[in-house]
Each structure stands twice: as C-alpha cells, then as structure tokens.
Amino acid sequence: MKTIASLRQEIDQVHKELHALLLRRRELTMAVWEIKQQEGQPFFNAAREDQILQDFLNMDGKQGQDPQFDELLKGVMSSVLREYEKYLRFHYDK
C-alpha cells in the first residue's frame, strides 16, 4: 500500500523532472529566438502559440472529458508561454 510519504516522494521526483524539462524548454526557446532575430522574424507568432495550446490540451487524447482539468492545463501552458516571453524579452530585447 502506498503511503502519503511515498506519494510525496513521487511528487518531489515529478517536480525535479518538470524543472529539468522547463530548463530544456528554455534552451530551445532561446535558440529559436536567436534564429528569429537573425532572420528578422517577429517575436510573437499567435498561430504557433494557439497550436501549442491545442496540442498541449490534447496530448492524451482526452480533451473535453474533464473541462476543469483542460482549463488547468491551458492555464499552466499559457503561463509558461507568457513567462518565457517575458524572460526572452528581458534577455534579448536590449
């Protein structure tokens, strides 16, 4: 039987994995932004962002089955996108 302590250890591991993934996403996002700057492309691409959100919501193929969780996922990814945008603007729009 699982215990609260063992489940919390699993949650802590998920946090470590999320942290590593967010760092990797930052590296990739920065690389994309550098190429965009070199090619004179605009910083923001609304169509790409919409596609990211839709893909993220439907990764498990269950979009719409739990609307509250869909909103939570959309909020998380929207926040990630906004915060990365602020981060990039801070580091590259000088």
N, C-alpha and C. Protein backbone atom coordinates (compact mmCIF):
# COMPACT_ATOMS: atom_id res chain seq x y z
N MET A 1 0.85 -1.19 0.00
CA MET A 1 0.00 0.00 0.00
C MET A 1 0.89 1.25 0.00
N LYS A 2 0.48 2.20 -0.78
CA LYS A 2 1.20 3.48 -0.83
C LYS A 2 0.90 4.28 0.43
N THR A 3 1.88 5.06 0.81
CA THR A 3 1.71 5.96 1.95
C THR A 3 1.77 7.39 1.46
N ILE A 4 1.34 8.29 2.30
CA ILE A 4 1.45 9.71 1.95
C ILE A 4 2.90 10.06 1.70
N ALA A 5 3.79 9.56 2.54
CA ALA A 5 5.22 9.87 2.38
C ALA A 5 5.75 9.36 1.04
N SER A 6 5.38 8.15 0.66
CA SER A 6 5.89 7.62 -0.61
C SER A 6 5.30 8.38 -1.81
N LEU A 7 4.04 8.75 -1.70
CA LEU A 7 3.42 9.55 -2.77
C LEU A 7 4.07 10.93 -2.87
N ARG A 8 4.38 11.51 -1.73
CA ARG A 8 5.06 12.81 -1.74
C ARG A 8 6.45 12.71 -2.34
N GLN A 9 7.12 11.59 -2.11
CA GLN A 9 8.43 11.37 -2.75
C GLN A 9 8.27 11.32 -4.27
N GLU A 10 7.23 10.67 -4.73
CA GLU A 10 6.97 10.62 -6.17
C GLU A 10 6.67 12.01 -6.71
N ILE A 11 5.89 12.78 -5.97
CA ILE A 11 5.58 14.15 -6.37
C ILE A 11 6.86 14.98 -6.44
N ASP A 12 7.73 14.83 -5.45
CA ASP A 12 9.00 15.55 -5.46
C ASP A 12 9.83 15.18 -6.69
N GLN A 13 9.79 13.92 -7.08
CA GLN A 13 10.50 13.47 -8.28
C GLN A 13 9.90 14.12 -9.53
N VAL A 14 8.59 14.20 -9.58
CA VAL A 14 7.93 14.86 -10.71
C VAL A 14 8.37 16.32 -10.78
N HIS A 15 8.49 16.98 -9.65
CA HIS A 15 8.94 18.37 -9.62
C HIS A 15 10.34 18.49 -10.20
N LYS A 16 11.22 17.56 -9.84
CA LYS A 16 12.58 17.58 -10.39
C LYS A 16 12.56 17.40 -11.90
N GLU A 17 11.72 16.50 -12.37
CA GLU A 17 11.61 16.26 -13.81
C GLU A 17 11.04 17.47 -14.52
N LEU A 18 10.02 18.09 -13.92
CA LEU A 18 9.44 19.31 -14.51
C LEU A 18 10.48 20.42 -14.60
N HIS A 19 11.26 20.57 -13.55
CA HIS A 19 12.30 21.59 -13.53
C HIS A 19 13.29 21.37 -14.68
N ALA A 20 13.73 20.14 -14.82
CA ALA A 20 14.68 19.81 -15.90
C ALA A 20 14.06 20.06 -17.26
N LEU A 21 12.80 19.71 -17.42
CA LEU A 21 12.12 19.94 -18.71
C LEU A 21 11.95 21.42 -19.00
N LEU A 22 11.64 22.20 -17.98
CA LEU A 22 11.49 23.64 -18.19
C LEU A 22 12.83 24.29 -18.54
N LEU A 23 13.90 23.80 -17.96
CA LEU A 23 15.23 24.30 -18.33
C LEU A 23 15.54 23.96 -19.78
N ARG A 24 15.21 22.74 -20.18
CA ARG A 24 15.43 22.33 -21.58
C ARG A 24 14.58 23.16 -22.52
N ARG A 25 13.33 23.43 -22.14
CA ARG A 25 12.46 24.24 -22.98
C ARG A 25 13.03 25.65 -23.12
N ARG A 26 13.59 26.17 -22.03
CA ARG A 26 14.20 27.50 -22.10
C ARG A 26 15.34 27.51 -23.11
N GLU A 27 16.19 26.50 -23.08
CA GLU A 27 17.30 26.43 -24.03
C GLU A 27 16.79 26.41 -25.47
N LEU A 28 15.78 25.61 -25.73
CA LEU A 28 15.23 25.50 -27.08
C LEU A 28 14.55 26.80 -27.51
N THR A 29 13.82 27.40 -26.59
CA THR A 29 13.14 28.65 -26.88
C THR A 29 14.14 29.76 -27.20
N MET A 30 15.22 29.81 -26.45
CA MET A 30 16.25 30.81 -26.70
C MET A 30 16.91 30.58 -28.05
N ALA A 31 17.13 29.34 -28.42
CA ALA A 31 17.72 29.03 -29.72
C ALA A 31 16.78 29.46 -30.86
N VAL A 32 15.50 29.22 -30.69
CA VAL A 32 14.52 29.66 -31.70
C VAL A 32 14.54 31.18 -31.81
N TRP A 33 14.56 31.86 -30.67
CA TRP A 33 14.55 33.32 -30.68
C TRP A 33 15.79 33.88 -31.36
N GLU A 34 16.93 33.27 -31.14
CA GLU A 34 18.16 33.73 -31.80
C GLU A 34 18.04 33.62 -33.32
N ILE A 35 17.48 32.51 -33.78
CA ILE A 35 17.29 32.34 -35.23
C ILE A 35 16.28 33.37 -35.75
N LYS A 36 15.20 33.58 -35.01
CA LYS A 36 14.21 34.58 -35.41
C LYS A 36 14.85 35.96 -35.55
N GLN A 37 15.71 36.30 -34.60
CA GLN A 37 16.38 37.60 -34.66
C GLN A 37 17.25 37.69 -35.90
N GLN A 38 18.01 36.65 -36.18
CA GLN A 38 18.90 36.65 -37.35
C GLN A 38 18.11 36.76 -38.65
N GLU A 39 16.94 36.15 -38.69
CA GLU A 39 16.13 36.15 -39.90
C GLU A 39 15.14 37.30 -39.95
N GLY A 40 15.11 38.12 -38.91
CA GLY A 40 14.19 39.26 -38.88
C GLY A 40 12.74 38.87 -38.71
N GLN A 41 12.50 37.72 -38.11
CA GLN A 41 11.14 37.28 -37.89
C GLN A 41 10.58 37.94 -36.64
N PRO A 42 9.26 38.11 -36.60
CA PRO A 42 8.65 38.71 -35.41
C PRO A 42 8.80 37.81 -34.19
N PHE A 43 8.82 38.46 -33.05
CA PHE A 43 8.97 37.76 -31.79
C PHE A 43 7.80 36.83 -31.52
N PHE A 44 6.61 37.34 -31.71
CA PHE A 44 5.38 36.63 -31.33
C PHE A 44 4.71 36.05 -32.56
N ASN A 45 4.28 34.80 -32.46
CA ASN A 45 3.55 34.13 -33.53
C ASN A 45 2.27 33.56 -32.92
N ALA A 46 1.17 34.30 -33.08
CA ALA A 46 -0.10 33.92 -32.45
C ALA A 46 -0.57 32.55 -32.92
N ALA A 47 -0.42 32.26 -34.20
CA ALA A 47 -0.87 30.96 -34.71
C ALA A 47 -0.09 29.82 -34.07
N ARG A 48 1.21 29.99 -33.93
CA ARG A 48 2.05 28.96 -33.30
C ARG A 48 1.65 28.77 -31.83
N GLU A 49 1.40 29.87 -31.15
CA GLU A 49 1.01 29.77 -29.74
C GLU A 49 -0.33 29.05 -29.59
N ASP A 50 -1.29 29.38 -30.45
CA ASP A 50 -2.58 28.69 -30.41
C ASP A 50 -2.41 27.20 -30.65
N GLN A 51 -1.53 26.85 -31.60
CA GLN A 51 -1.29 25.44 -31.91
C GLN A 51 -0.64 24.73 -30.72
N ILE A 52 0.29 25.40 -30.06
CA ILE A 52 0.94 24.83 -28.87
C ILE A 52 -0.12 24.52 -27.81
N LEU A 53 -1.01 25.47 -27.56
CA LEU A 53 -2.05 25.27 -26.54
C LEU A 53 -2.97 24.11 -26.91
N GLN A 54 -3.41 24.07 -28.17
CA GLN A 54 -4.31 22.99 -28.59
C GLN A 54 -3.62 21.63 -28.49
N ASP A 55 -2.38 21.56 -28.96
CA ASP A 55 -1.64 20.30 -28.90
C ASP A 55 -1.43 19.86 -27.44
N PHE A 56 -1.12 20.81 -26.59
CA PHE A 56 -0.88 20.50 -25.18
C PHE A 56 -2.14 19.96 -24.52
N LEU A 57 -3.27 20.57 -24.84
CA LEU A 57 -4.53 20.12 -24.24
C LEU A 57 -4.93 18.73 -24.70
N ASN A 58 -4.52 18.35 -25.89
CA ASN A 58 -4.98 17.09 -26.44
C ASN A 58 -3.89 16.01 -26.49
N MET A 59 -2.82 16.18 -25.74
CA MET A 59 -1.73 15.21 -25.77
C MET A 59 -2.17 13.81 -25.35
N ASP A 60 -3.10 13.71 -24.45
CA ASP A 60 -3.54 12.39 -24.01
C ASP A 60 -4.79 11.93 -24.76
N GLY A 61 -5.26 12.74 -25.70
CA GLY A 61 -6.44 12.38 -26.48
C GLY A 61 -7.74 12.47 -25.71
N LYS A 62 -7.72 13.12 -24.56
CA LYS A 62 -8.90 13.18 -23.71
C LYS A 62 -9.46 14.59 -23.54
N GLN A 63 -9.09 15.48 -24.44
CA GLN A 63 -9.58 16.86 -24.33
C GLN A 63 -11.10 16.86 -24.30
N GLY A 64 -11.66 17.62 -23.38
CA GLY A 64 -13.10 17.75 -23.27
C GLY A 64 -13.73 16.79 -22.27
N GLN A 65 -13.01 15.75 -21.87
CA GLN A 65 -13.58 14.79 -20.93
C GLN A 65 -13.60 15.32 -19.50
N ASP A 66 -12.69 16.22 -19.20
CA ASP A 66 -12.63 16.84 -17.88
C ASP A 66 -12.35 18.33 -18.11
N PRO A 67 -13.39 19.11 -18.38
CA PRO A 67 -13.21 20.52 -18.74
C PRO A 67 -12.43 21.34 -17.72
N GLN A 68 -12.60 21.05 -16.44
CA GLN A 68 -11.86 21.80 -15.42
C GLN A 68 -10.37 21.51 -15.52
N PHE A 69 -10.01 20.26 -15.78
CA PHE A 69 -8.60 19.92 -15.93
C PHE A 69 -8.05 20.52 -17.22
N ASP A 70 -8.86 20.54 -18.27
CA ASP A 70 -8.44 21.19 -19.52
C ASP A 70 -8.10 22.66 -19.25
N GLU A 71 -8.92 23.32 -18.46
CA GLU A 71 -8.67 24.73 -18.14
C GLU A 71 -7.39 24.88 -17.32
N LEU A 72 -7.18 23.94 -16.39
CA LEU A 72 -5.95 23.97 -15.61
C LEU A 72 -4.74 23.81 -16.53
N LEU A 73 -4.77 22.84 -17.44
CA LEU A 73 -3.66 22.63 -18.37
C LEU A 73 -3.44 23.86 -19.26
N LYS A 74 -4.54 24.41 -19.75
CA LYS A 74 -4.43 25.61 -20.60
C LYS A 74 -3.81 26.76 -19.81
N GLY A 75 -4.23 26.92 -18.56
CA GLY A 75 -3.67 27.97 -17.72
C GLY A 75 -2.19 27.78 -17.46
N VAL A 76 -1.79 26.53 -17.20
CA VAL A 76 -0.38 26.23 -16.96
C VAL A 76 0.44 26.56 -18.20
N MET A 77 0.02 26.07 -19.37
CA MET A 77 0.80 26.30 -20.58
C MET A 77 0.77 27.77 -20.98
N SER A 78 -0.35 28.44 -20.81
CA SER A 78 -0.41 29.87 -21.11
C SER A 78 0.56 30.64 -20.23
N SER A 79 0.60 30.28 -18.96
CA SER A 79 1.53 30.92 -18.04
C SER A 79 2.97 30.66 -18.46
N VAL A 80 3.28 29.42 -18.81
CA VAL A 80 4.63 29.09 -19.27
C VAL A 80 4.99 29.94 -20.48
N LEU A 81 4.09 30.02 -21.45
CA LEU A 81 4.37 30.80 -22.67
C LEU A 81 4.59 32.28 -22.33
N ARG A 82 3.75 32.86 -21.49
CA ARG A 82 3.89 34.28 -21.11
C ARG A 82 5.20 34.52 -20.38
N GLU A 83 5.52 33.63 -19.44
CA GLU A 83 6.74 33.83 -18.65
C GLU A 83 8.00 33.65 -19.51
N TYR A 84 7.99 32.72 -20.43
CA TYR A 84 9.13 32.58 -21.35
C TYR A 84 9.25 33.83 -22.22
N GLU A 85 8.11 34.35 -22.66
CA GLU A 85 8.13 35.57 -23.47
C GLU A 85 8.77 36.72 -22.69
N LYS A 86 8.35 36.90 -21.44
CA LYS A 86 8.96 37.95 -20.61
C LYS A 86 10.45 37.70 -20.43
N TYR A 87 10.81 36.47 -20.20
CA TYR A 87 12.21 36.10 -20.00
C TYR A 87 13.04 36.44 -21.24
N LEU A 88 12.54 36.05 -22.40
CA LEU A 88 13.27 36.32 -23.64
C LEU A 88 13.37 37.81 -23.92
N ARG A 89 12.28 38.52 -23.71
CA ARG A 89 12.32 39.97 -23.94
C ARG A 89 13.35 40.62 -23.02
N PHE A 90 13.42 40.17 -21.81
CA PHE A 90 14.39 40.72 -20.85
C PHE A 90 15.83 40.46 -21.33
N HIS A 91 16.07 39.25 -21.81
CA HIS A 91 17.43 38.86 -22.18
C HIS A 91 17.83 39.27 -23.59
N TYR A 92 16.88 39.46 -24.49
CA TYR A 92 17.23 39.69 -25.89
C TYR A 92 16.76 41.01 -26.47
N ASP A 93 15.78 41.63 -25.88
CA ASP A 93 15.28 42.91 -26.42
C ASP A 93 16.01 44.07 -25.75
N LYS A 94 17.28 44.19 -26.03
CA LYS A 94 18.05 45.26 -25.41
C LYS A 94 18.59 46.19 -26.47
